[in-house]
């Protein structure tokens, strides 16, 4: 099977607000049908501009903060600052959508299930099939995000300072006023950077769009190959039920995985019938060694990857490649929802070295020229051996 030809059909700009995403979903379903692989579709409401709306709300709140500092309204300034992390937690970490409910359309996850008559466990594999384009790649985004606590403290401090301005005349001198306004303006500028990361794609032209070849087309193709091998009996999975989830909405707040976990695990108070674990794929098919991430999270809440899954995958990779997996610190991906539900998880991919490494994604640099076909084959083989290792 020539997986590159399939990847070429998937590796087109397919952001969540586009019709192209629906076309890719139709192509994936048609492919599975032609291979006679049973699948189900989970429909869910997609807030397709969720992060852009969140970014705009943060920017508006920061402007209100600046105005309240200027007019010496400390309580209102403080409320404006506190509202920002609260909004982020509600929107991203709790998926309550206080802002993004404004724009919604139907979307779907594609789910394949391969049962074993004597199953004692379930192994879930996941990859998202949507893409995203940003002003900032993953590494640049993390640099912006790391400054968030600092600017949050700055905003609270300026709000408190504004309260004392009314009490002490010395603080009303022009020098102190200028410093306060400059610092509060820097808060607005930082929130502008946050908006450019969360929603800057709305200003980018079509010729600047990411093709999503490695993020996350290579992962999708890997799971298609795994599904085909399972369906044809090339992978022995006695004792293990296998579920493959192709999720949508990952790039706008992990929405597809949220709905999968919600409907399957969170809405059912009982424990899963079988011990269940997840292997999630990100950045598969570029250069470099296999790697995994120690933690997953977004803004406030983080979960640890499962140590036993890391050991098992590392053992399989050592057998195949002769070297241990690399380790990265944090990533934000679909596993966050599984971790929140208590499902053991791990995210694996490839390092991108030699080359741009983990940089250059969410841009035109993520195209077919970045794909390493040999590493696609190695990941397919690794996942097959991982299943057979149980």
Protein backbone atom coordinates (compact mmCIF):
# COMPACT_ATOMS: atom_id res chain seq x y z
CA UNK A 1 0.00 0.00 0.00
CA UNK A 2 1.36 3.40 -0.99
CA UNK A 3 0.57 5.44 2.10
CA UNK A 4 2.18 8.57 0.72
CA UNK A 5 -0.47 8.83 -2.00
CA UNK A 6 -3.18 8.71 0.68
CA UNK A 7 -1.35 11.29 2.77
CA UNK A 8 -1.17 13.60 -0.25
CA UNK A 9 -4.98 13.57 -0.41
CA UNK A 10 -5.26 14.33 3.30
CA UNK A 11 -2.48 16.93 3.44
CA UNK A 12 -4.55 19.91 2.33
CA UNK A 13 -5.47 22.92 4.48
CA UNK A 14 -8.42 21.66 6.52
CA UNK A 15 -9.05 24.08 9.41
CA UNK A 16 -12.18 23.49 11.43
CA UNK A 17 -14.02 26.45 9.94
CA UNK A 18 -13.52 25.17 6.35
CA UNK A 19 -15.55 22.97 4.02
CA UNK A 20 -12.31 21.13 3.26
CA UNK A 21 -12.47 19.44 6.66
CA UNK A 22 -15.82 17.89 5.68
CA UNK A 23 -14.34 16.75 2.37
CA UNK A 24 -11.40 15.07 4.14
CA UNK A 25 -13.81 13.35 6.54
CA UNK A 26 -15.82 12.08 3.55
CA UNK A 27 -12.62 10.83 1.91
CA UNK A 28 -11.59 8.96 5.07
CA UNK A 29 -15.01 7.31 5.38
CA UNK A 30 -14.98 6.38 1.70
CA UNK A 31 -11.55 4.83 2.08
CA UNK A 32 -12.63 2.72 5.05
CA UNK A 33 -15.74 1.62 3.19
CA UNK A 34 -13.66 0.54 0.19
CA UNK A 35 -11.47 -1.52 2.53
CA UNK A 36 -14.58 -3.03 4.15
CA UNK A 37 -13.53 -1.75 7.57
CA UNK A 38 -16.56 -1.16 9.82
CA UNK A 39 -16.73 2.27 11.44
CA UNK A 40 -19.14 4.51 13.27
CA UNK A 41 -19.49 8.28 13.19
CA UNK A 42 -19.95 10.33 16.34
CA UNK A 43 -21.56 13.66 15.54
CA UNK A 44 -20.98 16.60 17.86
CA UNK A 45 -21.43 20.40 17.85
CA UNK A 46 -18.13 22.00 16.83
CA UNK A 47 -17.32 25.51 18.06
CA UNK A 48 -15.17 26.10 15.03
CA UNK A 49 -13.84 29.54 16.01
CA UNK A 50 -13.53 28.72 19.72
CA UNK A 51 -9.95 29.91 20.22
CA UNK A 52 -10.36 33.02 18.06
CA UNK A 53 -13.39 34.08 20.10
CA UNK A 54 -11.51 33.33 23.33
CA UNK A 55 -8.54 35.38 22.14
CA UNK A 56 -10.80 38.29 21.20
CA UNK A 57 -12.50 38.17 24.61
CA UNK A 58 -9.12 38.22 26.37
CA UNK A 59 -8.01 41.21 24.31
CA UNK A 60 -11.24 43.11 25.03
CA UNK A 61 -10.89 42.42 28.77
CA UNK A 62 -7.31 43.72 28.69
CA UNK A 63 -8.46 46.94 26.99
CA UNK A 64 -11.11 47.39 29.69
CA UNK A 65 -8.37 46.82 32.25
CA UNK A 66 -6.28 49.62 30.71
CA UNK A 67 -9.26 51.99 30.73
CA UNK A 68 -10.03 51.19 34.37
CA UNK A 69 -6.41 51.82 35.37
CA UNK A 70 -6.49 55.10 33.47
CA UNK A 71 -9.70 56.16 35.24
CA UNK A 72 -8.50 54.84 38.62
CA UNK A 73 -11.19 52.18 39.04
CA UNK A 74 -9.26 49.51 41.01
CA UNK A 75 -12.10 47.07 41.63
CA UNK A 76 -13.20 47.03 37.99
CA UNK A 77 -9.57 46.72 36.88
CA UNK A 78 -9.07 43.74 39.20
CA UNK A 79 -12.26 42.06 37.99
CA UNK A 80 -11.12 42.50 34.38
CA UNK A 81 -7.81 40.76 35.15
CA UNK A 82 -9.36 37.92 37.14
CA UNK A 83 -11.96 37.34 34.42
CA UNK A 84 -9.22 36.35 31.95
CA UNK A 85 -7.96 33.16 33.67
CA UNK A 86 -11.52 32.29 34.71
CA UNK A 87 -12.62 32.54 31.08
CA UNK A 88 -9.68 30.40 29.95
CA UNK A 89 -10.43 27.70 32.52
CA UNK A 90 -14.12 27.62 31.61
CA UNK A 91 -13.49 27.63 27.86
CA UNK A 92 -10.40 25.42 27.52
CA UNK A 93 -9.95 23.33 30.65
CA UNK A 94 -13.63 22.73 31.44
CA UNK A 95 -15.05 22.94 27.88
CA UNK A 96 -18.05 24.98 29.03
CA UNK A 97 -17.81 27.38 26.06
CA UNK A 98 -19.01 30.67 27.62
CA UNK A 99 -17.77 32.52 24.50
CA UNK A 100 -17.45 30.03 21.65
CA UNK A 101 -21.09 28.91 21.78
CA UNK A 102 -21.74 31.87 19.48
CA UNK A 103 -20.49 29.99 16.40
CA UNK A 104 -21.25 26.30 15.91
CA UNK A 105 -21.55 23.71 13.16
CA UNK A 106 -21.85 19.90 12.94
CA UNK A 107 -18.66 17.84 13.02
CA UNK A 108 -17.79 14.20 13.51
CA UNK A 109 -15.32 11.73 14.94
CA UNK A 110 -14.63 8.55 12.98
CA UNK A 111 -14.36 5.44 15.16
CA UNK A 112 -13.22 1.92 14.28
CA UNK A 113 -13.48 -1.00 16.67
CA UNK A 114 -11.79 -4.40 16.41
CA UNK A 115 -13.09 -6.70 19.16
CA UNK A 116 -11.38 -9.76 20.57
CA UNK A 117 -13.61 -12.60 21.85
CA UNK A 118 -11.42 -13.10 24.92
CA UNK A 119 -10.58 -9.45 25.60
CA UNK A 120 -9.15 -8.53 29.00
CA UNK A 121 -8.22 -4.96 28.04
CA UNK A 122 -8.97 -2.24 25.50
CA UNK A 123 -6.28 -0.34 23.63
CA UNK A 124 -7.38 2.97 22.12
CA UNK A 125 -5.37 4.77 19.43
CA UNK A 126 -6.15 8.36 18.49
CA UNK A 127 -5.09 11.00 15.95
CA UNK A 128 -6.83 14.22 14.92
CA UNK A 129 -7.53 14.89 11.24
CA UNK A 130 -8.08 18.66 11.35
CA UNK A 131 -5.32 21.22 10.73
CA UNK A 132 -4.55 24.76 11.88
CA UNK A 133 -2.59 27.80 10.74
CA UNK A 134 -1.17 30.33 13.18
CA UNK A 135 1.17 33.29 13.38
CA UNK A 136 3.14 31.21 15.91
CA UNK A 137 4.37 27.60 15.85
CA UNK A 138 4.32 25.26 18.86
CA UNK A 139 7.64 26.44 20.30
CA UNK A 140 6.89 30.16 19.87
CA UNK A 141 3.46 29.61 21.38
CA UNK A 142 4.99 28.06 24.50
CA UNK A 143 7.26 31.08 24.91
CA UNK A 144 4.22 33.36 24.89
CA UNK A 145 2.28 31.10 27.24
CA UNK A 146 5.10 30.97 29.82
CA UNK A 147 4.72 34.72 30.35
CA UNK A 148 1.04 34.42 31.26
CA UNK A 149 1.54 34.09 35.08
CA UNK A 150 3.91 37.08 35.06
CA UNK A 151 1.42 39.34 33.29
CA UNK A 152 -1.42 38.06 35.46
CA UNK A 153 0.53 39.08 38.57
CA UNK A 154 1.31 42.42 36.90
CA UNK A 155 -2.37 43.07 36.27
CA UNK A 156 -3.36 42.26 39.84
CA UNK A 157 -0.50 44.41 41.18
CA UNK A 158 -1.52 47.41 39.07
CA UNK A 159 -5.12 47.04 40.22
CA UNK A 160 -4.00 47.12 43.85
CA UNK A 161 -1.66 50.05 43.10
CA UNK A 162 -4.60 51.99 41.64
CA UNK A 163 -6.45 51.54 44.92
CA UNK A 164 -3.57 53.11 46.86
CA UNK A 165 -3.24 56.00 44.40
CA UNK A 166 -6.42 57.42 45.87
CA UNK A 167 -5.00 57.17 49.38
CA UNK A 168 -1.53 58.67 48.94
CA UNK A 169 -0.88 61.92 47.08
CA UNK A 170 2.74 61.00 46.37
CA UNK A 171 1.54 58.21 44.06
CA UNK A 172 -0.36 60.74 41.95
CA UNK A 173 2.83 62.29 40.57
CA UNK A 174 3.25 62.11 36.78
CA UNK A 175 6.17 59.68 37.01
CA UNK A 176 4.09 57.06 38.83
CA UNK A 177 1.14 57.63 36.53
CA UNK A 178 3.34 57.15 33.47
CA UNK A 179 4.86 53.95 34.84
CA UNK A 180 1.41 52.55 35.63
CA UNK A 181 0.06 53.36 32.16
CA UNK A 182 3.12 51.92 30.42
CA UNK A 183 2.84 48.69 32.42
CA UNK A 184 -0.90 48.41 31.84
CA UNK A 185 -0.33 49.05 28.13
CA UNK A 186 2.22 46.22 28.13
CA UNK A 187 -0.53 44.00 29.57
CA UNK A 188 -2.74 44.88 26.59
CA UNK A 189 0.12 44.21 24.17
CA UNK A 190 0.71 40.78 25.72
CA UNK A 191 -2.97 39.94 25.36
CA UNK A 192 -2.68 41.07 21.74
CA UNK A 193 0.05 38.46 21.26
CA UNK A 194 -2.23 35.90 22.91
CA UNK A 195 -5.00 36.79 20.46
CA UNK A 196 -2.59 36.51 17.51
CA UNK A 197 -1.79 32.99 18.68
CA UNK A 198 -5.37 31.97 19.41
CA UNK A 199 -7.16 33.67 16.54
CA UNK A 200 -4.61 35.28 14.25
CA UNK A 201 -5.41 32.77 11.52
CA UNK A 202 -8.48 34.81 10.57
CA UNK A 203 -6.11 37.42 9.08
CA UNK A 204 -3.99 34.96 7.05
CA UNK A 205 -4.60 34.49 3.33
CA UNK A 206 -5.28 31.11 1.73
CA UNK A 207 -1.76 30.84 0.34
CA UNK A 208 -0.37 31.03 3.90
CA UNK A 209 -2.29 27.99 5.17
CA UNK A 210 -0.67 24.92 6.71
CA UNK A 211 -1.11 21.65 4.81
CA UNK A 212 -1.03 19.68 8.06
CA UNK A 213 1.11 16.94 6.50
CA UNK A 214 2.85 16.05 9.77
CA UNK A 215 0.40 17.80 12.13
CA UNK A 216 -1.43 15.56 11.88
CA UNK A 217 -1.81 13.86 8.51
CA UNK A 218 1.03 11.41 9.09
CA UNK A 219 -0.61 10.22 12.30
CA UNK A 220 -3.95 9.70 10.55
CA UNK A 221 -2.32 7.66 7.78
CA UNK A 222 -0.50 5.58 10.41
CA UNK A 223 -3.79 4.68 12.07
CA UNK A 224 -5.41 3.95 8.70
CA UNK A 225 -2.58 1.49 8.01
CA UNK A 226 -3.00 -0.01 11.48
CA UNK A 227 -6.74 -0.42 10.89
CA UNK A 228 -6.15 -2.12 7.55
CA UNK A 229 -3.65 -4.55 9.05
CA UNK A 230 -6.01 -5.34 11.92
CA UNK A 231 -8.91 -5.88 9.55
CA UNK A 232 -6.83 -8.24 7.42
CA UNK A 233 -5.63 -10.22 10.43
CA UNK A 234 -1.98 -9.19 10.04
CA UNK A 235 -1.78 -8.08 13.67
CA UNK A 236 -2.62 -10.57 16.41
CA UNK A 237 -4.57 -8.87 19.19
CA UNK A 238 -5.89 -11.79 21.21
CA UNK A 239 -6.91 -10.50 24.61
CA UNK A 240 -7.19 -6.88 23.43
CA UNK A 241 -10.12 -4.97 22.01
CA UNK A 242 -8.74 -2.28 19.70
CA UNK A 243 -10.42 1.09 19.13
CA UNK A 244 -9.12 3.64 16.64
CA UNK A 245 -10.39 7.21 16.99
CA UNK A 246 -9.89 9.82 14.26
CA UNK A 247 -10.93 13.00 16.02
CA UNK A 248 -11.93 16.40 14.75
CA UNK A 249 -11.79 19.76 16.49
CA UNK A 250 -8.44 19.10 18.17
CA UNK A 251 -6.94 22.36 16.95
CA UNK A 252 -9.75 24.44 18.42
CA UNK A 253 -9.79 23.22 22.01
CA UNK A 254 -9.63 19.41 21.73
CA UNK A 255 -13.36 19.28 21.09
CA UNK A 256 -13.72 15.94 19.30
CA UNK A 257 -11.88 14.03 22.02
CA UNK A 258 -13.90 15.91 24.63
CA UNK A 259 -17.16 14.61 23.16
CA UNK A 260 -15.80 11.07 22.74
CA UNK A 261 -14.68 10.92 26.37
CA UNK A 262 -17.82 12.66 27.63
CA UNK A 263 -20.27 10.32 25.92
CA UNK A 264 -18.28 7.17 26.52
CA UNK A 265 -16.79 7.66 29.99
CA UNK A 266 -17.97 10.78 31.78
CA UNK A 267 -21.70 10.30 31.14
CA UNK A 268 -21.40 6.74 32.49
CA UNK A 269 -20.47 6.75 36.18
CA UNK A 270 -19.37 3.10 36.17
CA UNK A 271 -15.78 2.14 35.43
CA UNK A 272 -15.00 0.90 31.87
CA UNK A 273 -15.83 -2.78 31.47
CA UNK A 274 -12.20 -3.48 30.61
CA UNK A 275 -8.97 -1.76 31.70
CA UNK A 276 -8.51 0.89 29.03
CA UNK A 277 -5.51 2.91 27.87
CA UNK A 278 -4.76 5.38 25.09
CA UNK A 279 -1.87 5.89 22.69
CA UNK A 280 -2.24 9.25 20.94
CA UNK A 281 -0.25 10.18 17.85
CA UNK A 282 1.14 13.65 17.14
CA UNK A 283 3.76 14.81 14.61
CA UNK A 284 4.24 11.34 13.14
CA UNK A 285 6.02 10.98 9.82
CA UNK A 286 8.75 13.59 10.02
CA UNK A 287 12.48 12.99 10.54
CA UNK A 288 13.97 11.85 13.78
CA UNK A 289 13.74 9.44 16.65
CA UNK A 290 10.47 8.37 18.23
CA UNK A 291 9.59 10.46 21.28
CA UNK A 292 6.92 10.88 23.90
CA UNK A 293 5.74 13.77 26.06
CA UNK A 294 5.81 13.55 29.86
CA UNK A 295 2.84 15.86 30.47
CA UNK A 296 -0.21 17.09 28.63
CA UNK A 297 -2.14 20.26 29.38
CA UNK A 298 -3.29 23.59 28.05
CA UNK A 299 -3.29 26.58 30.38
CA UNK A 300 -3.89 25.60 33.99
CA UNK A 301 -4.45 21.83 34.28
CA UNK A 302 -1.85 19.19 33.39
CA UNK A 303 -1.79 15.38 33.48
CA UNK A 304 1.13 12.95 33.51
CA UNK A 305 1.68 10.37 30.78
CA UNK A 306 1.43 6.78 32.00
CA UNK A 307 4.83 5.39 32.98
CA UNK A 308 3.95 1.79 32.12
CA UNK A 309 2.81 2.71 28.62
CA UNK A 310 6.08 4.61 28.14
CA UNK A 311 8.10 1.58 29.25
CA UNK A 312 6.22 -0.79 26.96
CA UNK A 313 6.49 1.46 23.92
CA UNK A 314 10.14 2.16 24.66
CA UNK A 315 10.84 -1.59 24.79
CA UNK A 316 9.13 -2.12 21.42
CA UNK A 317 10.96 0.85 19.87
CA UNK A 318 14.29 -0.43 21.19
CA UNK A 319 13.65 -3.77 19.48
CA UNK A 320 12.84 -2.06 16.18
CA UNK A 321 15.37 0.78 16.11
CA UNK A 322 18.02 -0.19 18.65
CA UNK A 323 17.70 3.09 20.57
CA UNK A 324 15.47 4.47 23.33
CA UNK A 325 12.70 6.98 22.76
CA UNK A 326 13.41 10.66 23.25
CA UNK A 327 11.45 12.58 25.88
CA UNK A 328 9.83 16.01 25.67
CA UNK A 329 8.23 17.88 28.56
CA UNK A 330 4.73 19.11 27.67
CA UNK A 331 2.21 19.12 24.87
CA UNK A 332 -1.41 20.17 24.51
CA UNK A 333 -3.45 17.50 22.73
CA UNK A 334 -6.45 15.17 22.85
CA UNK A 335 -5.03 13.11 25.70
CA UNK A 336 -5.98 15.90 28.13
CA UNK A 337 -9.59 14.75 28.04
CA UNK A 338 -8.65 11.11 28.62
CA UNK A 339 -6.34 12.07 31.48
CA UNK A 340 -9.12 14.10 33.10
CA UNK A 341 -11.33 10.98 32.95
CA UNK A 342 -8.65 8.83 34.58
CA UNK A 343 -7.70 6.89 31.43
CA UNK A 344 -3.95 6.06 31.26
CA UNK A 345 -2.45 7.75 28.19
CA UNK A 346 0.68 8.61 26.27
CA UNK A 347 1.37 10.75 23.21
CA UNK A 348 4.10 9.65 20.80
CA UNK A 349 5.56 11.12 17.62
CA UNK A 350 8.89 11.82 15.94
CA UNK A 351 11.39 14.52 16.85
CA UNK A 352 11.91 16.21 13.46
CA UNK A 353 15.71 16.07 13.76
CA UNK A 354 17.71 16.69 11.68
CA UNK A 355 15.49 19.51 10.54
CA UNK A 356 13.15 21.99 12.23
CA UNK A 357 12.42 19.66 15.14
CA UNK A 358 9.13 20.53 16.80
CA UNK A 359 9.06 24.01 15.25
CA UNK A 360 7.50 25.20 12.03
CA UNK A 361 4.06 23.70 12.52
CA UNK A 362 0.80 25.56 11.96
CA UNK A 363 2.47 27.16 8.92
CA UNK A 364 3.22 26.47 5.26
CA UNK A 365 6.37 24.65 6.43
CA UNK A 366 4.16 21.69 7.37
CA UNK A 367 3.90 20.29 3.86
CA UNK A 368 4.71 17.04 2.05
CA UNK A 369 8.40 17.96 1.77
CA UNK A 370 8.61 17.51 5.54
CA UNK A 371 7.37 13.89 5.42
CA UNK A 372 9.78 11.00 5.96
CA UNK A 373 8.11 7.88 4.44
CA UNK A 374 10.51 5.56 6.26
CA UNK A 375 9.42 6.93 9.63
CA UNK A 376 5.77 6.41 8.69
CA UNK A 377 6.53 2.74 8.07
CA UNK A 378 8.46 2.48 11.34
CA UNK A 379 5.57 3.91 13.36
CA UNK A 380 3.10 1.55 11.70
CA UNK A 381 5.37 -1.38 12.57
CA UNK A 382 5.91 -0.09 16.12
CA UNK A 383 2.19 0.16 16.88
CA UNK A 384 1.59 -3.32 15.49
CA UNK A 385 4.34 -4.76 17.69
CA UNK A 386 3.01 -2.77 20.64
CA UNK A 387 -0.40 -4.41 20.28
CA UNK A 388 1.20 -7.86 20.01
CA UNK A 389 3.35 -7.20 23.11
CA UNK A 390 0.34 -7.73 25.40
